[in-house]
Protein backbone atom coordinates (compact mmCIF):
# COMPACT_ATOMS: atom_id res chain seq x y z
CA UNK A 1 204.25 -79.27 -84.06
CA UNK A 2 201.68 -76.58 -84.59
CA UNK A 3 203.06 -73.30 -85.86
CA UNK A 4 201.58 -70.74 -83.45
CA UNK A 5 202.61 -67.83 -85.63
CA UNK A 6 200.72 -68.96 -88.71
CA UNK A 7 201.32 -66.04 -91.08
CA UNK A 8 202.67 -62.57 -90.91
CA UNK A 9 200.17 -59.81 -91.74
CA UNK A 10 202.24 -56.62 -91.11
CA UNK A 11 204.53 -54.72 -88.79
CA UNK A 12 204.16 -52.22 -85.91
CA UNK A 13 204.62 -48.77 -87.23
CA UNK A 14 203.24 -45.60 -85.50
CA UNK A 15 202.40 -42.64 -87.62
CA UNK A 16 203.03 -40.39 -84.66
CA UNK A 17 206.37 -42.04 -83.90
CA UNK A 18 205.51 -43.08 -80.32
CA UNK A 19 205.24 -46.67 -79.03
CA UNK A 20 203.66 -48.02 -75.81
CA UNK A 21 202.62 -51.33 -74.36
CA UNK A 22 198.80 -51.07 -74.54
CA UNK A 23 198.22 -49.73 -78.12
CA UNK A 24 199.90 -50.70 -81.32
CA UNK A 25 199.47 -49.23 -84.74
CA UNK A 26 200.17 -51.64 -87.65
CA UNK A 27 201.04 -51.24 -91.28
CA UNK A 28 199.74 -54.21 -93.21
CA UNK A 29 201.37 -56.11 -95.98
CA UNK A 30 200.10 -55.22 -99.40
CA UNK A 31 198.33 -58.58 -99.86
CA UNK A 32 196.83 -58.76 -96.30
CA UNK A 33 193.73 -57.46 -94.55
CA UNK A 34 192.36 -57.68 -91.05
CA UNK A 35 188.91 -57.37 -89.55
CA UNK A 36 187.67 -55.22 -86.78
CA UNK A 37 187.59 -57.27 -83.57
CA UNK A 38 190.02 -59.90 -85.03
CA UNK A 39 192.73 -61.40 -82.72
CA UNK A 40 196.36 -61.08 -83.91
CA UNK A 41 199.60 -61.63 -82.01
CA UNK A 42 203.29 -60.70 -81.72
CA UNK A 43 206.07 -62.79 -80.24
CA UNK A 44 206.88 -62.27 -76.55
CA UNK A 45 210.20 -60.46 -76.25
CA UNK A 46 211.90 -63.12 -74.03
CA UNK A 47 209.75 -66.27 -74.34
CA UNK A 48 208.54 -68.34 -77.34
CA UNK A 49 204.88 -67.53 -76.81
CA UNK A 50 202.28 -65.27 -78.43
CA UNK A 51 201.18 -61.93 -77.00
CA UNK A 52 197.71 -61.35 -78.33
CA UNK A 53 196.37 -58.06 -79.61
CA UNK A 54 192.91 -57.20 -80.90
CA UNK A 55 192.07 -55.03 -83.85
CA UNK A 56 190.06 -52.01 -82.67
CA UNK A 57 189.91 -50.29 -86.01
CA UNK A 58 191.05 -51.23 -89.58
CA UNK A 59 191.27 -48.62 -92.33
CA UNK A 60 193.11 -47.68 -95.59
CA UNK A 61 195.56 -44.75 -95.75
CA UNK A 62 196.29 -42.87 -98.94
CA UNK A 63 198.51 -39.80 -99.25
CA UNK A 64 196.46 -36.86 -100.67
CA UNK A 65 197.75 -34.31 -103.10
CA UNK A 66 196.45 -30.90 -104.20
CA UNK A 67 195.42 -32.32 -107.58
CA UNK A 68 193.15 -35.08 -106.24
CA UNK A 69 190.02 -33.04 -105.86
CA UNK A 70 190.46 -31.41 -109.22
CA UNK A 71 190.88 -34.80 -110.97
CA UNK A 72 187.89 -36.22 -109.17
CA UNK A 73 185.88 -33.15 -110.07
CA UNK A 74 186.70 -33.72 -113.70
CA UNK A 75 185.71 -37.41 -113.38
CA UNK A 76 189.30 -38.63 -113.61
CA UNK A 77 189.48 -41.14 -110.75
CA UNK A 78 192.78 -42.88 -111.01
CA UNK A 79 193.32 -45.83 -108.78
CA UNK A 80 196.92 -46.14 -107.71
CA UNK A 81 197.46 -49.37 -105.57
CA UNK A 82 201.01 -48.22 -104.81
CA UNK A 83 199.60 -45.32 -102.76
CA UNK A 84 197.28 -47.44 -100.75
CA UNK A 85 198.36 -48.66 -97.31
CA UNK A 86 196.40 -50.98 -95.04
CA UNK A 87 196.47 -49.85 -91.42
CA UNK A 88 195.12 -51.19 -88.10
CA UNK A 89 194.93 -49.92 -84.54
CA UNK A 90 195.16 -52.67 -81.98
CA UNK A 91 194.99 -52.94 -78.20
CA UNK A 92 196.91 -55.50 -76.19
CA UNK A 93 195.00 -58.40 -74.77
CA UNK A 94 197.94 -60.21 -73.12
CA UNK A 95 199.62 -63.60 -72.87
CA UNK A 96 198.97 -66.69 -70.86
CA UNK A 97 201.29 -67.86 -68.10
CA UNK A 98 200.41 -70.80 -65.87
CA UNK A 99 196.73 -70.40 -66.75
CA UNK A 100 196.57 -66.69 -66.00
CA UNK A 101 196.35 -64.00 -68.61
CA UNK A 102 199.01 -61.29 -68.11
CA UNK A 103 199.84 -58.10 -69.85
CA UNK A 104 203.17 -57.21 -71.45
CA UNK A 105 204.32 -54.16 -69.63
CA UNK A 106 207.21 -53.12 -71.85
CA UNK A 107 206.60 -50.99 -75.04
CA UNK A 108 205.98 -52.89 -78.25
CA UNK A 109 208.98 -51.88 -80.33
CA UNK A 110 208.68 -50.40 -83.86
CA UNK A 111 208.83 -52.85 -86.82
CA UNK A 112 207.75 -55.69 -84.66
CA UNK A 113 206.25 -58.46 -86.88
CA UNK A 114 202.46 -59.00 -86.36
CA UNK A 115 201.11 -62.49 -86.98
CA UNK A 116 197.72 -64.15 -87.56
CA UNK A 117 197.77 -66.93 -84.86
CA UNK A 118 197.00 -70.54 -85.53
CA UNK A 119 193.41 -71.66 -84.65
CA UNK A 120 194.79 -73.91 -81.98
CA UNK A 121 196.74 -71.08 -80.34
CA UNK A 122 193.75 -68.79 -80.32
CA UNK A 123 191.36 -71.47 -79.00
CA UNK A 124 193.89 -72.34 -76.19
CA UNK A 125 194.16 -68.66 -75.27
CA UNK A 126 190.44 -67.83 -75.24
CA UNK A 127 188.66 -71.00 -74.23
CA UNK A 128 187.76 -71.57 -70.53
CA UNK A 129 188.63 -74.59 -68.44
CA UNK A 130 185.93 -76.99 -67.28
CA UNK A 131 182.41 -77.65 -68.60
CA UNK A 132 181.34 -75.35 -71.42
CA UNK A 133 178.91 -74.93 -74.26
CA UNK A 134 179.80 -73.93 -77.75
CA UNK A 135 177.52 -71.33 -79.29
CA UNK A 136 179.29 -70.55 -82.66
CA UNK A 137 182.61 -69.58 -84.21
CA UNK A 138 184.93 -66.66 -83.54
CA UNK A 139 184.84 -64.36 -86.61
CA UNK A 140 186.73 -64.47 -88.91
CA UNK A 141 188.05 -67.99 -87.91
CA UNK A 142 186.68 -71.44 -87.47
CA UNK A 143 187.60 -71.39 -83.73
CA UNK A 144 184.71 -72.34 -81.64
CA UNK A 145 183.34 -69.92 -79.05
CA UNK A 146 183.25 -72.03 -75.88
CA UNK A 147 181.73 -70.45 -72.79
CA UNK A 148 182.05 -71.62 -69.28
CA UNK A 149 178.83 -73.11 -67.97
CA UNK A 150 179.82 -72.50 -64.35
CA UNK A 151 180.28 -68.76 -65.10
CA UNK A 152 177.12 -68.43 -67.04
CA UNK A 153 175.11 -70.05 -64.31
CA UNK A 154 176.89 -67.99 -61.72
CA UNK A 155 176.13 -64.67 -63.55
CA UNK A 156 173.41 -65.17 -66.13
CA UNK A 157 173.47 -63.36 -69.52
CA UNK A 158 171.93 -60.41 -71.45
CA UNK A 159 171.21 -60.65 -75.15
CA UNK A 160 170.49 -57.46 -77.13
CA UNK A 161 169.60 -56.87 -80.74
CA UNK A 162 167.09 -55.43 -83.19
CA UNK A 163 164.16 -57.29 -84.75
CA UNK A 164 165.31 -60.16 -86.93
CA UNK A 165 168.98 -59.97 -85.95
CA UNK A 166 169.16 -63.43 -84.30
CA UNK A 167 168.78 -62.81 -80.51
CA UNK A 168 165.80 -65.20 -80.11
CA UNK A 169 167.71 -67.77 -82.21
CA UNK A 170 170.64 -67.46 -79.79
CA UNK A 171 168.37 -68.03 -76.72
CA UNK A 172 166.95 -71.07 -78.55
CA UNK A 173 170.45 -72.38 -79.31
CA UNK A 174 171.57 -71.72 -75.69
CA UNK A 175 168.63 -73.66 -74.25
CA UNK A 176 169.20 -76.55 -76.61
CA UNK A 177 172.93 -76.67 -75.76
CA UNK A 178 172.21 -76.66 -72.02
CA UNK A 179 169.62 -79.44 -72.43
CA UNK A 180 172.13 -81.58 -74.26
CA UNK A 181 175.28 -80.82 -72.29
CA UNK A 182 174.15 -80.59 -68.69
CA UNK A 183 173.07 -83.53 -66.59
CA UNK A 184 169.61 -83.19 -65.07
CA UNK A 185 168.85 -79.63 -66.42
CA UNK A 186 165.97 -77.46 -65.32
CA UNK A 187 164.83 -74.48 -67.42
CA UNK A 188 161.89 -72.11 -66.96
CA UNK A 189 161.07 -70.30 -70.22
CA UNK A 190 158.78 -67.32 -70.05
CA UNK A 191 157.45 -66.86 -73.64
CA UNK A 192 155.00 -64.03 -73.92
CA UNK A 193 153.95 -64.65 -77.57
CA UNK A 194 154.70 -68.24 -78.35
CA UNK A 195 157.89 -67.43 -80.19
CA UNK A 196 159.63 -70.51 -78.79
CA UNK A 197 156.96 -73.00 -79.69
CA UNK A 198 159.30 -75.39 -81.46
CA UNK A 199 159.15 -79.14 -82.10
CA UNK A 200 162.94 -79.32 -81.85
CA UNK A 201 162.95 -77.63 -78.46
CA UNK A 202 160.04 -79.80 -77.20
CA UNK A 203 161.56 -83.07 -78.36
CA UNK A 204 164.97 -82.20 -77.02
CA UNK A 205 163.55 -81.37 -73.58
CA UNK A 206 161.49 -84.57 -73.61
CA UNK A 207 164.64 -86.61 -74.32
CA UNK A 208 166.63 -84.96 -71.59
CA UNK A 209 164.24 -84.86 -68.70
CA UNK A 210 160.74 -83.83 -69.69
CA UNK A 211 158.75 -80.95 -71.24
CA UNK A 212 155.72 -79.16 -69.92
CA UNK A 213 153.85 -76.28 -71.55
CA UNK A 214 151.63 -74.12 -69.39
CA UNK A 215 149.38 -71.29 -70.53
CA UNK A 216 148.34 -67.98 -69.10
CA UNK A 217 144.99 -69.60 -68.24
CA UNK A 218 146.76 -72.34 -66.11
CA UNK A 219 145.79 -71.93 -62.44
CA UNK A 220 148.86 -71.89 -60.13
CA UNK A 221 148.74 -73.30 -56.67
CA UNK A 222 149.14 -70.47 -54.18
CA UNK A 223 150.67 -71.45 -50.89
CA UNK A 224 150.94 -69.36 -47.80
CA UNK A 225 154.24 -67.48 -47.59
CA UNK A 226 155.81 -64.64 -45.78
CA UNK A 227 157.19 -61.32 -47.16
CA UNK A 228 158.49 -58.05 -45.95
CA UNK A 229 155.94 -55.50 -44.74
CA UNK A 230 156.46 -53.25 -47.79
CA UNK A 231 156.26 -56.15 -50.22
CA UNK A 232 153.09 -57.29 -48.42
CA UNK A 233 151.70 -53.81 -48.91
CA UNK A 234 152.62 -53.79 -52.61
CA UNK A 235 151.11 -57.18 -53.14
CA UNK A 236 147.86 -56.24 -51.40
CA UNK A 237 147.49 -52.91 -53.10
CA UNK A 238 147.99 -54.38 -56.64
CA UNK A 239 145.52 -57.29 -56.08
CA UNK A 240 143.03 -54.88 -54.43
CA UNK A 241 143.29 -52.47 -57.38
CA UNK A 242 144.09 -49.46 -55.08
CA UNK A 243 145.89 -46.42 -56.39
CA UNK A 244 148.87 -45.27 -54.40
CA UNK A 245 146.92 -42.16 -53.30
CA UNK A 246 143.95 -43.96 -51.96
CA UNK A 247 143.34 -43.63 -48.18
CA UNK A 248 143.55 -47.37 -47.70
CA UNK A 249 146.84 -47.59 -49.56
CA UNK A 250 148.38 -44.71 -47.68
CA UNK A 251 147.32 -46.18 -44.40
CA UNK A 252 148.73 -49.68 -45.29
CA UNK A 253 152.05 -48.09 -46.44
CA UNK A 254 152.42 -46.10 -43.19
CA UNK A 255 151.84 -49.18 -41.13
CA UNK A 256 154.24 -51.30 -43.31
CA UNK A 257 157.04 -48.70 -42.77
CA UNK A 258 156.32 -48.55 -39.07
CA UNK A 259 156.56 -52.31 -38.80
CA UNK A 260 159.86 -52.34 -40.53
CA UNK A 261 161.16 -49.63 -38.21
CA UNK A 262 160.09 -51.85 -35.31
CA UNK A 263 162.18 -54.70 -36.73
CA UNK A 264 159.37 -56.78 -38.19
CA UNK A 265 161.00 -58.58 -41.16
CA UNK A 266 158.04 -60.61 -42.46
CA UNK A 267 154.32 -60.92 -42.51
CA UNK A 268 152.41 -64.03 -43.54
CA UNK A 269 150.58 -63.53 -46.87
CA UNK A 270 147.17 -64.69 -45.65
CA UNK A 271 143.96 -63.61 -43.86
CA UNK A 272 145.87 -64.15 -40.60
CA UNK A 273 148.53 -61.77 -41.73
CA UNK A 274 145.93 -59.08 -42.49
CA UNK A 275 144.37 -59.65 -39.08
CA UNK A 276 147.73 -58.69 -37.46
CA UNK A 277 147.70 -55.37 -39.39
CA UNK A 278 144.06 -54.31 -38.93
CA UNK A 279 144.29 -53.48 -35.21
CA UNK A 280 146.85 -50.75 -36.19
CA UNK A 281 144.38 -48.97 -38.44
CA UNK A 282 142.79 -46.02 -36.62
CA UNK A 283 140.02 -45.09 -38.95
CA UNK A 284 137.01 -47.42 -38.77
CA UNK A 285 135.98 -46.63 -42.31
CA UNK A 286 139.37 -47.55 -43.65
CA UNK A 287 139.54 -50.70 -41.48
CA UNK A 288 136.11 -51.88 -42.76
CA UNK A 289 137.24 -51.22 -46.39
CA UNK A 290 140.47 -53.16 -45.80
CA UNK A 291 138.45 -56.07 -44.26
CA UNK A 292 136.27 -56.28 -47.30
CA UNK A 293 139.18 -56.11 -49.76
CA UNK A 294 141.09 -58.71 -47.73
CA UNK A 295 138.12 -61.06 -47.69
CA UNK A 296 137.95 -60.92 -51.46
CA UNK A 297 141.71 -61.44 -51.92
CA UNK A 298 142.25 -64.28 -49.50
CA UNK A 299 138.95 -66.14 -49.93
CA UNK A 300 140.64 -68.49 -52.50
CA UNK A 301 143.92 -68.77 -50.64
CA UNK A 302 145.68 -71.08 -50.44
CA UNK A 303 144.71 -72.78 -53.74
CA UNK A 304 146.31 -76.12 -53.38
CA UNK A 305 144.55 -77.60 -56.45
CA UNK A 306 146.35 -75.49 -59.01
CA UNK A 307 149.72 -76.32 -60.68
CA UNK A 308 152.76 -76.26 -58.35
CA UNK A 309 155.25 -74.47 -60.46
CA UNK A 310 158.13 -75.47 -58.23
CA UNK A 311 157.34 -79.18 -58.63
CA UNK A 312 156.72 -78.68 -62.36
CA UNK A 313 160.22 -77.22 -62.73
CA UNK A 314 161.75 -79.91 -60.51
CA UNK A 315 160.09 -82.68 -62.53
CA UNK A 316 160.96 -81.41 -66.01
CA UNK A 317 163.98 -80.38 -68.06
CA UNK A 318 162.03 -77.48 -69.57
CA UNK A 319 158.80 -75.73 -68.34
CA UNK A 320 157.53 -73.57 -71.20
CA UNK A 321 155.24 -70.79 -70.03
CA UNK A 322 153.52 -69.93 -73.34
CA UNK A 323 151.40 -66.83 -72.64
CA UNK A 324 150.20 -66.27 -76.21
CA UNK A 325 146.64 -66.94 -74.87
CA UNK A 326 146.87 -64.06 -72.36
CA UNK A 327 144.08 -61.48 -72.57
CA UNK A 328 146.30 -58.55 -71.58
CA UNK A 329 149.81 -57.72 -70.33
CA UNK A 330 148.77 -57.53 -66.68
CA UNK A 331 147.90 -61.24 -66.88
CA UNK A 332 151.30 -62.02 -68.35
CA UNK A 333 153.26 -59.91 -65.83
CA UNK A 334 151.29 -61.11 -62.74
CA UNK A 335 151.49 -64.80 -63.80
CA UNK A 336 155.25 -64.48 -64.55
CA UNK A 337 155.78 -62.79 -61.15
CA UNK A 338 153.95 -65.53 -59.32
CA UNK A 339 156.17 -68.19 -61.04
CA UNK A 340 159.45 -66.33 -60.40
CA UNK A 341 158.54 -65.50 -56.85
CA UNK A 342 157.69 -69.11 -55.95
CA UNK A 343 160.82 -70.51 -57.71
CA UNK A 344 163.04 -67.93 -56.07
CA UNK A 345 161.66 -68.59 -52.61
CA UNK A 346 162.24 -72.28 -53.08
CA UNK A 347 165.76 -71.83 -54.44
CA UNK A 348 166.82 -69.69 -51.48
CA UNK A 349 165.64 -72.26 -48.91
CA UNK A 350 166.31 -75.49 -50.72
CA UNK A 351 169.89 -76.18 -51.95
CA UNK A 352 168.67 -79.09 -54.14
CA UNK A 353 166.45 -76.81 -56.26
CA UNK A 354 167.77 -74.70 -59.07
CA UNK A 355 166.44 -73.35 -62.34
CA UNK A 356 167.72 -71.32 -65.29
CA UNK A 357 165.23 -68.68 -66.29
CA UNK A 358 164.91 -67.48 -69.89
CA UNK A 359 162.81 -64.37 -70.76
CA UNK A 360 162.60 -62.81 -74.22
CA UNK A 361 161.76 -59.05 -74.76
CA UNK A 362 162.59 -58.28 -71.14
CA UNK A 363 161.84 -54.55 -71.70
CA UNK A 364 158.18 -55.55 -71.49
CA UNK A 365 158.76 -57.21 -68.06
CA UNK A 366 161.12 -54.63 -66.45
CA UNK A 367 160.86 -51.30 -68.41
CA UNK A 368 162.98 -48.29 -67.65
CA UNK A 369 159.77 -46.19 -67.62
CA UNK A 370 157.01 -48.31 -66.14
CA UNK A 371 154.34 -45.78 -67.04
CA UNK A 372 155.25 -46.26 -70.68
CA UNK A 373 155.26 -50.13 -70.40
CA UNK A 374 152.79 -52.62 -71.90
CA UNK A 375 151.26 -53.46 -68.50
CA UNK A 376 149.87 -51.26 -65.78
CA UNK A 377 151.99 -49.35 -63.35
CA UNK A 378 150.63 -51.50 -60.52
CA UNK A 379 151.67 -54.70 -62.20
CA UNK A 380 155.21 -53.28 -62.64
CA UNK A 381 155.37 -52.06 -59.04
CA UNK A 382 155.24 -55.65 -58.03
CA UNK A 383 157.24 -57.27 -60.89
CA UNK A 384 160.26 -54.93 -61.11
CA UNK A 385 161.50 -55.53 -57.59
CA UNK A 386 161.34 -59.33 -58.09
CA UNK A 387 163.29 -58.92 -61.36
CA UNK A 388 165.89 -56.83 -59.64
CA UNK A 389 166.17 -59.28 -56.78
CA UNK A 390 166.69 -62.22 -59.09
CA UNK A 391 169.12 -60.29 -61.30
CA UNK A 392 171.33 -59.50 -58.32
CA UNK A 393 171.00 -62.51 -56.04
CA UNK A 394 169.35 -65.21 -58.23
CA UNK A 395 172.59 -66.74 -59.68
CA UNK A 396 174.21 -67.34 -56.30
CA UNK A 397 170.91 -68.94 -55.16
CA UNK A 398 170.77 -71.31 -58.10
CA UNK A 399 168.40 -69.19 -60.21
CA UNK A 400 170.23 -67.33 -62.97
CA UNK A 401 168.52 -65.09 -65.58
CA UNK A 402 169.07 -65.26 -69.36
CA UNK A 403 167.23 -62.32 -70.83
CA UNK A 404 166.93 -60.75 -74.26
CA UNK A 405 165.65 -57.45 -75.57
CA UNK A 406 165.39 -55.51 -78.83
CA UNK A 407 165.48 -52.16 -77.01
CA UNK A 408 168.40 -52.01 -74.48
CA UNK A 409 167.62 -48.35 -73.67
CA UNK A 410 164.08 -49.30 -72.54
CA UNK A 411 165.21 -51.95 -69.97
CA UNK A 412 165.46 -50.95 -66.41
CA UNK A 413 169.07 -49.73 -66.21
CA UNK A 414 169.77 -51.41 -62.87
CA UNK A 415 168.87 -54.80 -64.45
CA UNK A 416 170.71 -54.28 -67.74
CA UNK A 417 173.88 -53.17 -66.04
CA UNK A 418 173.80 -56.01 -63.52
CA UNK A 419 173.13 -58.63 -66.31
CA UNK A 420 175.84 -57.09 -68.47
CA UNK A 421 178.51 -59.27 -66.99
CA UNK A 422 177.90 -61.58 -69.92
CA UNK A 423 176.42 -59.74 -72.90
CA UNK A 424 175.71 -60.75 -76.52
CA UNK A 425 175.11 -57.78 -78.75
CA UNK A 426 173.65 -58.25 -82.19
CA UNK A 427 172.93 -55.29 -84.51
CA UNK A 428 171.31 -52.52 -82.44
CA UNK A 429 169.75 -49.17 -83.14
CA UNK A 430 171.80 -46.05 -82.61
CA UNK A 431 169.68 -45.02 -79.57
CA UNK A 432 170.95 -48.13 -77.77
CA UNK A 433 174.58 -47.83 -78.66
CA UNK A 434 175.64 -45.54 -75.83
CA UNK A 435 174.24 -47.87 -73.12
CA UNK A 436 175.80 -50.89 -74.92
CA UNK A 437 179.16 -49.15 -74.98
CA UNK A 438 178.92 -48.20 -71.33
CA UNK A 439 178.30 -51.84 -70.49
CA UNK A 440 180.94 -53.36 -72.84
CA UNK A 441 183.53 -50.56 -72.15
CA UNK A 442 185.01 -50.86 -75.70
CA UNK A 443 184.73 -49.01 -79.00
CA UNK A 444 184.27 -52.39 -80.64
CA UNK A 445 180.69 -52.06 -79.41
CA UNK A 446 180.15 -49.62 -82.25
CA UNK A 447 180.55 -52.54 -84.67
CA UNK A 448 177.07 -53.58 -83.50
CA UNK A 449 175.67 -51.07 -86.01
CA UNK A 450 177.10 -53.04 -88.88
CA UNK A 451 176.76 -56.70 -87.87
CA UNK A 452 174.86 -58.95 -90.37
CA UNK A 453 172.08 -61.22 -89.17
CA UNK A 454 173.41 -64.03 -86.94
CA UNK A 455 176.58 -62.24 -85.89
CA UNK A 456 176.98 -60.83 -82.37
CA UNK A 457 179.62 -59.36 -80.13
CA UNK A 458 180.18 -61.29 -76.88
CA UNK A 459 181.94 -59.87 -73.84
CA UNK A 460 181.92 -61.44 -70.46
CA UNK A 461 183.54 -63.58 -67.78
CA UNK A 462 182.79 -66.94 -69.41
CA UNK A 463 186.02 -66.65 -71.39
CA UNK A 464 189.58 -66.44 -70.14
CA UNK A 465 189.85 -62.87 -71.45
CA UNK A 466 187.74 -59.76 -70.75
CA UNK A 467 187.82 -58.45 -74.34
CA UNK A 468 184.92 -58.51 -76.82
CA UNK A 469 184.79 -61.38 -79.34
CA UNK A 470 182.70 -61.31 -82.59
CA UNK A 471 180.85 -64.56 -83.01
CA UNK A 472 178.93 -66.22 -85.79
CA UNK A 473 176.07 -67.91 -83.81
CA UNK A 474 175.05 -71.46 -84.45
CA UNK A 475 171.45 -71.90 -85.55
CA UNK A 476 170.01 -74.92 -83.89
CA UNK A 477 166.35 -74.44 -84.64
CA UNK A 478 164.05 -71.78 -86.02
CA UNK A 479 161.84 -69.71 -83.78
CA UNK A 480 158.03 -69.73 -84.43
CA UNK A 481 157.98 -66.38 -86.28
CA UNK A 482 160.29 -67.51 -89.08
CA UNK A 483 158.41 -67.79 -92.34
CA UNK A 484 155.26 -66.22 -90.92
CA UNK A 485 155.67 -62.67 -92.04
CA UNK A 486 152.80 -60.89 -93.82
CA UNK A 487 154.03 -61.47 -97.40
CA UNK A 488 154.40 -65.11 -96.69
CA UNK A 489 150.78 -65.20 -95.32
CA UNK A 490 149.63 -63.47 -98.42
CA UNK A 491 151.62 -65.86 -100.66
CA UNK A 492 153.21 -62.77 -102.29
CA UNK A 493 156.78 -64.12 -102.48
CA UNK A 494 157.69 -65.30 -106.01
């Protein structure tokens, strides 16, 4: 029989002398140490089961005397192990009963023994039921971090971390795990700089359903579709190159708002759709200008000879949109929006179609401040509403987002908050910590300043518990930038 309570690490002892149910202060045994974020446990007061607690802070305590500073000033630093006491502050996570995690409501008494649980007990408490993927191990144990596929696909995920911390490697591992563990997978990868050009990813996708790489220069088939009057206006203005203050733009916007007030929910995106709008334009000069602009926009529509992105996704396990050949960011944003728009429209109307969308460096696709973004304001005016729509309603329509960014504070806050239901945080800059903490809701988020490469904090609904877990991420394959830094190119490494 497995010993759930593997080893004792200390006892509950409050410096203040007060004891509650949610927080426990621990005095550690002389030969024991614990890690921030680690899961420990105590025995349930009436049942033979563990109540799990998590270390929020671990520190050393040493009584100070009036002579300490004088001795140190004189260079007389005397280590006295007898004065050193290991301490930890923990918060209750709970215990499992009939598959449900419950909280112990009675105070945790003083001198209660605190244990390090067995790996089997921790895995049973944390791991979800049903299909899952394993992305690494729970630090500082060998217990696998298994996340519910059903939950991930129902909510999507957000990955944050600085340059070189491992976020792109996690996206790569996640895609490879999905390809290998899901029957008939379909992934759309939007890769703005070719970072995910990997032989391992390509071969795995080929093995499990097919791989297709498309470029920024690939012509997409554009089919007639309908959209709301305001979205029709946004689309027309962006493609026509009109500023928001132009007479034509202001006239179209006024008509779009009037149509929505009249209850018109959609307008066909075609020359015929424009023809229904033009009679509402009072100025002949503006009408003539809109006719000329529309003739130029719609003269190639619909383009049935281009690539049908929906059929490409349906026919392959992975469609890799490698935009490293793009001439500018507007081209990347507009092509990405076309693909997302087409897939989302199909997913909403066809219950047999679904796709998981992966986007790296999402702050370039949906910035908090569009006027400071890499693309033009006009491109973002069309892209950001699509990103918000998919972030909120995509998962329930079979189109979840899996996005990563090195600058959380520069991502549209609506999108980052929505996607924060499942968040992986690698080491981040101080400027991003407050938003990270607001999403995670735990002081353990501050550990993200100290994490080594390949370590991240996960918090989300894909586990049984809603507490953060520190994870050592599996490395399934290198991304393209590994080994291609400037010193390597110069041959300057010894």
